[in-house]
Amino acid sequence: MPFEKKIYLSSPTMHGEELKYITEAYETNWMSTIGANLNAIESEIAEYVGCRHAVALSSGTSALHLAIKYAGEKAYGPTIPGKGALRGHHVFCSDMTFDASVNPVVYECGTPVFIDTEPDTWNMSPEALERAFEQFPEVKIVVFAHLYGTPSRIDELIGTAHAHHAIVIEDAAESLGATYHGHQTGTFGDYNAISFNGNKIITGSSGGMFLTDDEDAAEKVRKWSTQSRDNAPWYQHSELGYNYRMSNVIAGVIRGQFPYLGEHIARKKAVYERYREGFKDLPVSMNPIGGDGVSPNYWLSCLLIDPDAMCGYTRTDHEYSYESEPGHTCPDEILDAIAALNAEGRPIWKPMHMQPIYKDNPFILGNTKDSVGEDIFARGLCLPSDNKMKPEEQDVIIDAVRRCFR
């Protein structure tokens, strides 16, 4: 029987303290882009992750955009307004990610070069990145993400980037609270971004943050995010700006949630472990959580079907079909079974080099003859990973997945 109340992939988990800070914003009439909540959450996030400066913005995408814009101007110099800081330049980007990691490169008129995935973390392959520099030695910016909350092989990626004198932008949108050798993600790049979107582990319904140790970068991003207003008695603008500042109300939601980050991670980990135990005798594996010294935030629990357990299936850009076979299944059949329960799963991120908008962009493989990202997309899926899912509800989902292999 379907669940009476839908179980989501990852919905907001509210605690009540959010209302205190929202009400404070309302009662003090600080409803726009100035206020105590903004000041407090910037300070709290910077202290928690261990960086010197945090700038609260309207989304993780806006944080990435301004990080990329600033990196472009550092690498190539200021440009004519509207022409883009990266005009005529390539930028190395994670291939298996959400397109918000990539689109800001195009906002700045750059050309993304997609770097294939590696199987140990499902993140950017250091081997592929090294090959990319062999083909494009002039590249000066690398943007890498931490997929589903598992940190990348950060030392290797940054070591390669810095060896080639490239600026590093860390997309930590999905990995708030995850650590790599004792340090929080969102602190390893020259410029970094996190997200508070509605499905993230801490949410404000929207919102993001630019993180850096570079004071000049933080000041520039803060100015750009408020329409680049000059310090003058009137509205004066000397460069292109954006309406990217976070509101004091959204900051209040995040401020009320943030103390519960550790609790959210613990709940997400419990969900992941229950799935792993429930599937231990099936021809599947869970998404990797990293090696020694790596602690993910378990944002989403994902499943990868063994190659010899896949049933026949086809996918176009917009449709899919499959043939049910005893002992075999495919991601779309499992997702249909989950949907029939009134629960929400999703496909793995479709790699960027497979997207119609980016199909002609350069794509670099690692030490494999075929794309690792394509294979994970073909055999993988995201399971319902909501913090509020009860163990008995998760048991029903586990049973539905198991029945797909019968």
Protein backbone atom coordinates (compact mmCIF):
# COMPACT_ATOMS: atom_id res chain seq x y z
CA MET A 1 0.00 0.00 0.00
CA PRO A 2 1.27 3.51 -0.77
CA PHE A 3 2.32 5.70 2.12
CA GLU A 4 -0.48 8.03 3.21
CA LYS A 5 2.01 10.88 3.57
CA LYS A 6 4.61 11.19 0.84
CA ILE A 7 8.21 10.41 1.70
CA TYR A 8 10.52 12.85 -0.04
CA LEU A 9 14.03 12.50 -1.31
CA SER A 10 15.30 15.11 1.16
CA SER A 11 12.88 17.69 2.51
CA PRO A 12 13.52 20.44 5.09
CA THR A 13 13.73 19.29 8.71
CA MET A 14 12.46 22.12 10.89
CA HIS A 15 12.90 22.48 14.65
CA GLY A 16 10.92 25.55 15.72
CA GLU A 17 13.82 27.85 16.56
CA GLU A 18 13.66 29.13 13.00
CA LEU A 19 10.45 30.95 13.94
CA LYS A 20 12.22 32.87 16.70
CA TYR A 21 14.65 34.46 14.27
CA ILE A 22 12.04 34.99 11.55
CA THR A 23 9.81 36.72 14.10
CA GLU A 24 12.73 38.83 15.27
CA ALA A 25 13.30 40.00 11.69
CA TYR A 26 9.59 40.80 11.36
CA GLU A 27 9.26 42.64 14.67
CA THR A 28 12.40 44.72 14.10
CA ASN A 29 11.34 45.35 10.48
CA TRP A 30 14.65 44.07 9.06
CA MET A 31 13.05 42.10 6.23
CA SER A 32 15.49 42.88 3.43
CA THR A 33 19.23 42.31 2.97
CA ILE A 34 20.50 43.87 6.21
CA GLY A 35 20.01 42.65 9.75
CA ALA A 36 21.18 40.73 12.80
CA ASN A 37 20.41 37.30 11.31
CA LEU A 38 22.67 37.94 8.33
CA ASN A 39 25.53 39.15 10.50
CA ALA A 40 25.16 36.23 12.88
CA ILE A 41 24.91 33.44 10.31
CA GLU A 42 27.92 34.71 8.35
CA SER A 43 29.94 34.70 11.57
CA GLU A 44 28.66 31.30 12.69
CA ILE A 45 29.30 29.59 9.35
CA ALA A 46 32.78 31.07 8.99
CA GLU A 47 33.69 29.93 12.50
CA TYR A 48 32.25 26.45 12.00
CA VAL A 49 33.91 25.65 8.69
CA GLY A 50 37.13 27.41 9.62
CA CYS A 51 37.46 30.21 7.07
CA ARG A 52 38.01 33.91 7.64
CA HIS A 53 35.17 35.34 5.54
CA ALA A 54 31.63 34.29 4.64
CA VAL A 55 29.23 36.27 2.45
CA ALA A 56 25.55 35.25 2.58
CA LEU A 57 23.93 35.17 -0.87
CA SER A 58 20.59 34.28 -2.41
CA SER A 59 21.65 30.80 -3.60
CA GLY A 60 24.54 28.41 -3.95
CA THR A 61 24.48 29.18 -7.66
CA SER A 62 25.00 32.89 -7.02
CA ALA A 63 27.90 32.04 -4.70
CA LEU A 64 29.48 29.93 -7.44
CA HIS A 65 28.84 32.61 -10.04
CA LEU A 66 30.62 35.31 -8.06
CA ALA A 67 33.43 32.90 -7.16
CA ILE A 68 33.94 32.13 -10.83
CA LYS A 69 33.66 35.78 -11.84
CA TYR A 70 36.25 36.79 -9.25
CA ALA A 71 38.57 33.93 -10.21
CA GLY A 72 38.23 34.90 -13.87
CA GLU A 73 39.24 38.48 -13.18
CA LYS A 74 42.15 37.31 -11.02
CA ALA A 75 43.33 34.97 -13.76
CA TYR A 76 42.70 37.09 -16.83
CA GLY A 77 42.05 40.66 -15.66
CA PRO A 78 38.88 42.82 -15.62
CA THR A 79 36.73 42.79 -18.73
CA ILE A 80 34.33 45.12 -20.45
CA PRO A 81 30.94 44.99 -18.64
CA GLY A 82 28.71 42.31 -20.09
CA LYS A 83 31.54 40.53 -21.91
CA GLY A 84 32.27 38.02 -19.14
CA ALA A 85 35.46 37.49 -17.18
CA LEU A 86 36.16 34.19 -18.94
CA ARG A 87 35.50 35.15 -22.54
CA GLY A 88 37.52 32.85 -24.79
CA HIS A 89 38.85 30.73 -21.91
CA HIS A 90 38.37 27.10 -20.82
CA VAL A 91 37.55 26.05 -17.25
CA PHE A 92 37.88 22.51 -15.89
CA CYS A 93 34.65 21.32 -14.22
CA SER A 94 33.26 18.19 -12.56
CA ASP A 95 31.31 16.15 -15.09
CA MET A 96 28.86 14.24 -12.87
CA THR A 97 27.14 17.03 -10.99
CA PHE A 98 24.12 19.32 -11.12
CA ASP A 99 24.39 21.92 -13.86
CA ALA A 100 24.46 24.76 -11.31
CA SER A 101 28.11 23.78 -10.81
CA VAL A 102 28.79 24.52 -14.47
CA ASN A 103 26.38 27.19 -15.70
CA PRO A 104 28.17 30.11 -13.97
CA VAL A 105 31.21 29.44 -16.17
CA VAL A 106 28.98 30.13 -19.16
CA TYR A 107 27.47 33.19 -17.46
CA GLU A 108 31.01 34.58 -17.61
CA CYS A 109 31.39 33.51 -21.26
CA GLY A 110 33.82 30.67 -20.50
CA THR A 111 33.83 27.16 -21.96
CA PRO A 112 33.50 24.27 -19.49
CA VAL A 113 35.80 21.30 -20.06
CA PHE A 114 34.31 18.28 -18.31
CA ILE A 115 36.55 16.02 -16.26
CA ASP A 116 35.36 12.43 -15.84
CA THR A 117 34.44 10.83 -12.53
CA GLU A 118 36.40 8.28 -10.53
CA PRO A 119 34.73 5.31 -8.81
CA ASP A 120 36.16 5.70 -5.29
CA THR A 121 34.25 8.91 -4.50
CA TRP A 122 32.05 9.53 -7.58
CA ASN A 123 33.82 12.87 -7.88
CA MET A 124 36.32 14.44 -10.29
CA SER A 125 39.09 12.03 -11.29
CA PRO A 126 42.57 13.35 -10.41
CA GLU A 127 43.99 11.24 -13.23
CA ALA A 128 41.57 12.80 -15.70
CA LEU A 129 42.43 16.27 -14.40
CA GLU A 130 46.13 15.65 -15.04
CA ARG A 131 45.30 14.54 -18.58
CA ALA A 132 43.17 17.64 -19.03
CA PHE A 133 46.14 19.89 -18.23
CA GLU A 134 48.16 18.00 -20.82
CA GLN A 135 45.57 18.89 -23.44
CA PHE A 136 44.73 22.38 -22.17
CA PRO A 137 47.86 23.64 -20.35
CA GLU A 138 46.63 27.24 -20.46
CA VAL A 139 43.65 26.62 -18.14
CA LYS A 140 43.76 28.69 -14.94
CA ILE A 141 40.55 27.68 -13.10
CA VAL A 142 39.36 24.31 -11.75
CA VAL A 143 35.85 23.86 -10.28
CA PHE A 144 35.16 20.58 -8.46
CA ALA A 145 32.16 19.35 -6.46
CA HIS A 146 31.64 16.89 -3.59
CA LEU A 147 28.85 14.67 -4.88
CA TYR A 148 26.06 13.64 -2.49
CA GLY A 149 28.12 14.84 0.49
CA THR A 150 31.26 12.71 -0.03
CA PRO A 151 34.49 14.71 -0.27
CA SER A 152 36.60 14.43 -3.40
CA ARG A 153 40.23 13.32 -3.45
CA ILE A 154 41.00 16.88 -2.48
CA ASP A 155 44.77 16.72 -1.95
CA GLU A 156 45.35 15.24 -5.38
CA LEU A 157 43.00 17.61 -7.19
CA ILE A 158 44.38 20.72 -5.52
CA GLY A 159 47.96 19.51 -5.87
CA THR A 160 47.51 19.08 -9.61
CA ALA A 161 45.71 22.41 -9.99
CA HIS A 162 48.33 24.35 -8.06
CA ALA A 163 51.15 22.61 -9.90
CA HIS A 164 49.69 24.18 -13.03
CA HIS A 165 49.16 27.55 -11.28
CA ALA A 166 45.37 27.26 -11.47
CA ILE A 167 42.83 28.82 -9.11
CA VAL A 168 40.62 26.28 -7.30
CA ILE A 169 36.88 26.77 -6.71
CA GLU A 170 35.31 24.23 -4.37
CA ASP A 171 31.61 23.53 -4.88
CA ALA A 172 30.61 22.30 -1.42
CA ALA A 173 26.88 22.85 -2.05
CA GLU A 174 26.04 19.25 -1.10
CA SER A 175 28.68 18.63 1.56
CA LEU A 176 28.19 21.06 4.47
CA GLY A 177 29.45 19.27 7.59
CA ALA A 178 31.59 16.75 5.69
CA THR A 179 35.28 16.68 6.60
CA TYR A 180 38.51 15.72 4.88
CA HIS A 181 41.40 14.86 7.22
CA GLY A 182 39.79 16.88 9.99
CA HIS A 183 38.97 19.98 7.95
CA GLN A 184 35.52 21.03 6.76
CA THR A 185 34.73 21.03 3.07
CA GLY A 186 34.24 24.54 1.77
CA THR A 187 37.68 25.62 2.99
CA PHE A 188 40.06 23.93 0.55
CA GLY A 189 39.59 26.05 -2.55
CA ASP A 190 40.73 29.61 -3.08
CA TYR A 191 37.03 30.47 -3.31
CA ASN A 192 34.24 28.18 -2.14
CA ALA A 193 30.45 27.88 -2.17
CA ILE A 194 27.80 26.16 -0.06
CA SER A 195 24.04 25.89 -0.55
CA PHE A 196 21.00 26.18 1.71
CA ASN A 197 18.50 25.11 -0.97
CA GLY A 198 15.30 23.44 0.22
CA ASN A 199 16.65 19.89 -0.12
CA LYS A 200 20.05 20.47 1.49
CA ILE A 201 21.11 19.18 4.91
CA ILE A 202 20.62 22.69 6.36
CA THR A 203 18.10 24.86 4.52
CA GLY A 204 16.73 28.35 4.49
CA SER A 205 14.31 27.35 1.68
CA SER A 206 16.94 29.05 -0.48
CA GLY A 207 20.26 30.74 0.05
CA GLY A 208 23.96 30.10 -0.30
CA MET A 209 27.29 31.38 0.93
CA PHE A 210 30.63 32.41 -0.53
CA LEU A 211 33.55 31.29 1.66
CA THR A 212 37.19 32.37 1.48
CA ASP A 213 40.25 33.42 3.45
CA ASP A 214 40.80 36.24 0.94
CA GLU A 215 39.49 39.50 2.41
CA ASP A 216 39.63 41.35 -0.92
CA ALA A 217 37.59 38.61 -2.57
CA ALA A 218 34.96 38.71 0.18
CA GLU A 219 34.64 42.49 -0.05
CA LYS A 220 34.33 42.38 -3.84
CA VAL A 221 31.71 39.63 -3.74
CA ARG A 222 29.75 41.51 -1.08
CA LYS A 223 29.75 44.62 -3.28
CA TRP A 224 28.81 42.74 -6.45
CA SER A 225 25.93 41.03 -4.61
CA THR A 226 24.28 44.37 -3.79
CA GLN A 227 24.25 45.77 -7.35
CA SER A 228 27.83 47.06 -7.03
CA ARG A 229 26.77 50.29 -5.35
CA ASP A 230 29.70 52.65 -4.89
CA ASN A 231 30.36 54.38 -1.58
CA ALA A 232 28.63 57.63 -2.56
CA PRO A 233 25.72 59.75 -1.23
CA TRP A 234 23.59 58.70 -4.20
CA TYR A 235 23.12 55.55 -6.24
CA GLN A 236 26.33 55.33 -8.20
CA HIS A 237 27.66 52.29 -10.03
CA SER A 238 31.10 51.87 -11.58
CA GLU A 239 30.82 48.17 -12.48
CA LEU A 240 28.24 45.50 -13.16
CA GLY A 241 26.39 44.22 -10.11
CA TYR A 242 23.80 41.61 -9.15
CA ASN A 243 20.80 41.28 -6.84
CA TYR A 244 22.38 38.32 -5.04
CA ARG A 245 22.33 39.20 -1.34
CA MET A 246 20.54 36.87 1.08
CA SER A 247 17.55 38.32 2.95
CA ASN A 248 17.57 38.69 6.72
CA VAL A 249 14.46 36.47 6.86
CA ILE A 250 16.11 33.56 5.03
CA ALA A 251 19.17 34.03 7.22
CA GLY A 252 16.89 33.61 10.24
CA VAL A 253 15.68 30.22 9.01
CA ILE A 254 19.27 29.06 8.50
CA ARG A 255 20.33 30.51 11.86
CA GLY A 256 17.60 28.51 13.61
CA GLN A 257 18.55 25.29 11.84
CA PHE A 258 22.31 25.46 11.93
CA PRO A 259 22.76 24.22 15.55
CA TYR A 260 21.13 20.94 14.42
CA LEU A 261 23.63 20.15 11.66
CA GLY A 262 25.28 17.38 13.67
CA GLU A 263 21.88 15.83 14.42
CA HIS A 264 20.91 15.97 10.74
CA ILE A 265 24.14 14.25 9.71
CA ALA A 266 23.60 11.51 12.31
CA ARG A 267 20.08 10.88 11.02
CA LYS A 268 21.28 10.81 7.42
CA LYS A 269 24.02 8.34 8.37
CA ALA A 270 21.45 6.08 10.06
CA VAL A 271 19.37 6.09 6.86
CA TYR A 272 22.45 5.15 4.81
CA GLU A 273 23.42 2.33 7.19
CA ARG A 274 19.88 0.86 7.23
CA TYR A 275 19.89 0.74 3.44
CA ARG A 276 23.34 -0.86 3.34
CA GLU A 277 22.26 -3.53 5.82
CA GLY A 278 18.98 -4.11 3.99
CA PHE A 279 20.71 -4.62 0.63
CA LYS A 280 23.78 -6.55 1.81
CA ASP A 281 22.84 -9.79 -0.01
CA LEU A 282 21.73 -8.08 -3.25
CA PRO A 283 23.95 -7.52 -6.32
CA VAL A 284 24.27 -3.82 -5.50
CA SER A 285 26.56 -1.36 -3.73
CA MET A 286 25.93 1.96 -2.00
CA ASN A 287 27.47 5.27 -3.02
CA PRO A 288 31.04 5.54 -1.68
CA ILE A 289 31.67 7.43 1.54
CA GLY A 290 35.41 7.95 1.10
CA GLY A 291 38.51 6.37 2.58
CA ASP A 292 40.63 6.99 5.66
CA GLY A 293 40.38 10.51 7.01
CA VAL A 294 37.15 11.24 5.14
CA SER A 295 33.81 11.81 6.85
CA PRO A 296 30.82 12.50 4.56
CA ASN A 297 27.59 14.19 5.59
CA TYR A 298 25.50 11.36 4.04
CA TRP A 299 23.25 13.90 2.32
CA LEU A 300 21.77 11.33 -0.07
CA SER A 301 21.86 7.53 -0.02
CA CYS A 302 22.39 6.08 -3.49
CA LEU A 303 22.37 2.61 -5.00
CA LEU A 304 24.51 1.15 -7.79
CA ILE A 305 23.36 -2.07 -9.46
CA ASP A 306 26.04 -4.61 -10.40
CA PRO A 307 26.56 -4.80 -14.20
CA ASP A 308 25.49 -8.45 -14.48
CA ALA A 309 22.27 -7.75 -12.54
CA MET A 310 21.01 -5.09 -14.95
CA CYS A 311 17.91 -5.83 -17.01
CA GLY A 312 17.46 -4.61 -20.55
CA TYR A 313 16.59 -0.92 -20.75
CA THR A 314 16.70 2.10 -23.05
CA ARG A 315 16.86 5.82 -22.35
CA THR A 316 16.38 8.82 -24.60
CA ASP A 317 16.79 12.44 -23.54
CA HIS A 318 13.26 12.47 -22.13
CA GLU A 319 11.93 8.91 -21.87
CA TYR A 320 12.89 5.45 -20.67
CA SER A 321 11.75 1.84 -21.01
CA TYR A 322 12.90 -1.47 -19.57
CA GLU A 323 12.20 -5.20 -19.70
CA SER A 324 11.55 -6.87 -16.35
CA GLU A 325 13.70 -9.96 -15.90
CA PRO A 326 13.86 -12.39 -12.96
CA GLY A 327 16.87 -11.61 -10.80
CA HIS A 328 17.62 -8.44 -12.75
CA THR A 329 16.47 -4.83 -12.60
CA CYS A 330 17.51 -1.29 -13.56
CA PRO A 331 17.33 2.14 -11.92
CA ASP A 332 14.12 3.15 -13.69
CA GLU A 333 12.29 0.00 -12.59
CA ILE A 334 13.33 0.60 -8.98
CA LEU A 335 12.35 4.26 -9.19
CA ASP A 336 8.93 3.25 -10.52
CA ALA A 337 8.52 0.84 -7.60
CA ILE A 338 9.47 3.58 -5.13
CA ALA A 339 7.09 6.06 -6.78
CA ALA A 340 4.26 3.52 -6.48
CA LEU A 341 4.72 3.73 -2.71
CA ASN A 342 4.23 7.51 -2.77
CA ALA A 343 7.93 8.00 -2.11
CA GLU A 344 10.51 10.00 -4.02
CA GLY A 345 13.73 8.68 -5.52
CA ARG A 346 15.71 10.17 -8.38
CA PRO A 347 18.21 9.21 -11.04
CA ILE A 348 21.88 9.92 -10.43
CA TRP A 349 23.00 13.29 -11.85
CA LYS A 350 23.25 12.89 -15.60
CA PRO A 351 26.86 13.78 -16.55
CA MET A 352 27.30 17.21 -18.06
CA HIS A 353 28.97 15.94 -21.22
CA MET A 354 25.76 13.97 -21.95
CA GLN A 355 23.52 17.04 -21.60
CA PRO A 356 22.19 18.44 -24.89
CA ILE A 357 23.36 21.93 -23.97
CA TYR A 358 26.96 20.75 -23.42
CA LYS A 359 27.28 17.77 -25.77
CA ASP A 360 29.89 19.56 -27.93
CA ASN A 361 32.12 20.63 -25.03
CA PRO A 362 35.47 18.92 -24.45
CA PHE A 363 35.34 15.86 -22.18
CA ILE A 364 38.40 14.21 -20.61
CA LEU A 365 38.59 10.56 -19.49
CA GLY A 366 40.82 9.25 -16.73
CA ASN A 367 42.59 5.89 -16.84
CA THR A 368 39.59 4.15 -18.39
CA LYS A 369 38.52 3.66 -21.98
CA ASP A 370 34.88 4.41 -21.12
CA SER A 371 33.29 7.13 -19.01
CA VAL A 372 32.92 6.24 -15.33
CA GLY A 373 30.24 8.90 -14.94
CA GLU A 374 28.15 7.47 -17.77
CA ASP A 375 28.31 4.03 -16.17
CA ILE A 376 27.24 5.32 -12.75
CA PHE A 377 24.37 7.25 -14.35
CA ALA A 378 23.25 4.11 -16.19
CA ARG A 379 23.32 1.83 -13.13
CA GLY A 380 22.67 4.19 -10.22
CA LEU A 381 19.79 5.93 -8.44
CA CYS A 382 19.16 8.13 -5.39
CA LEU A 383 16.98 6.56 -2.71
CA PRO A 384 14.55 8.39 -0.42
CA SER A 385 16.88 9.93 2.16
CA ASP A 386 14.62 12.17 4.21
CA ASN A 387 15.68 12.85 7.81
CA LYS A 388 12.13 12.34 9.01
CA MET A 389 11.63 8.90 7.42
CA LYS A 390 10.81 6.32 10.08
CA PRO A 391 12.71 2.99 10.15
CA GLU A 392 9.52 1.07 9.46
CA GLU A 393 8.85 3.27 6.42
CA GLN A 394 12.37 2.69 5.19
CA ASP A 395 11.83 -1.06 5.61
CA VAL A 396 8.93 -0.85 3.16
CA ILE A 397 11.16 0.92 0.62
CA ILE A 398 13.91 -1.66 1.14
CA ASP A 399 11.41 -4.46 0.52
CA ALA A 400 10.18 -2.77 -2.67
CA VAL A 401 13.75 -2.58 -3.98
CA ARG A 402 14.38 -6.23 -3.07
CA ARG A 403 11.23 -7.33 -4.94
CA CYS A 404 12.63 -5.78 -8.11
CA PHE A 405 15.33 -8.48 -8.10
CA ARG A 406 12.92 -11.40 -7.73
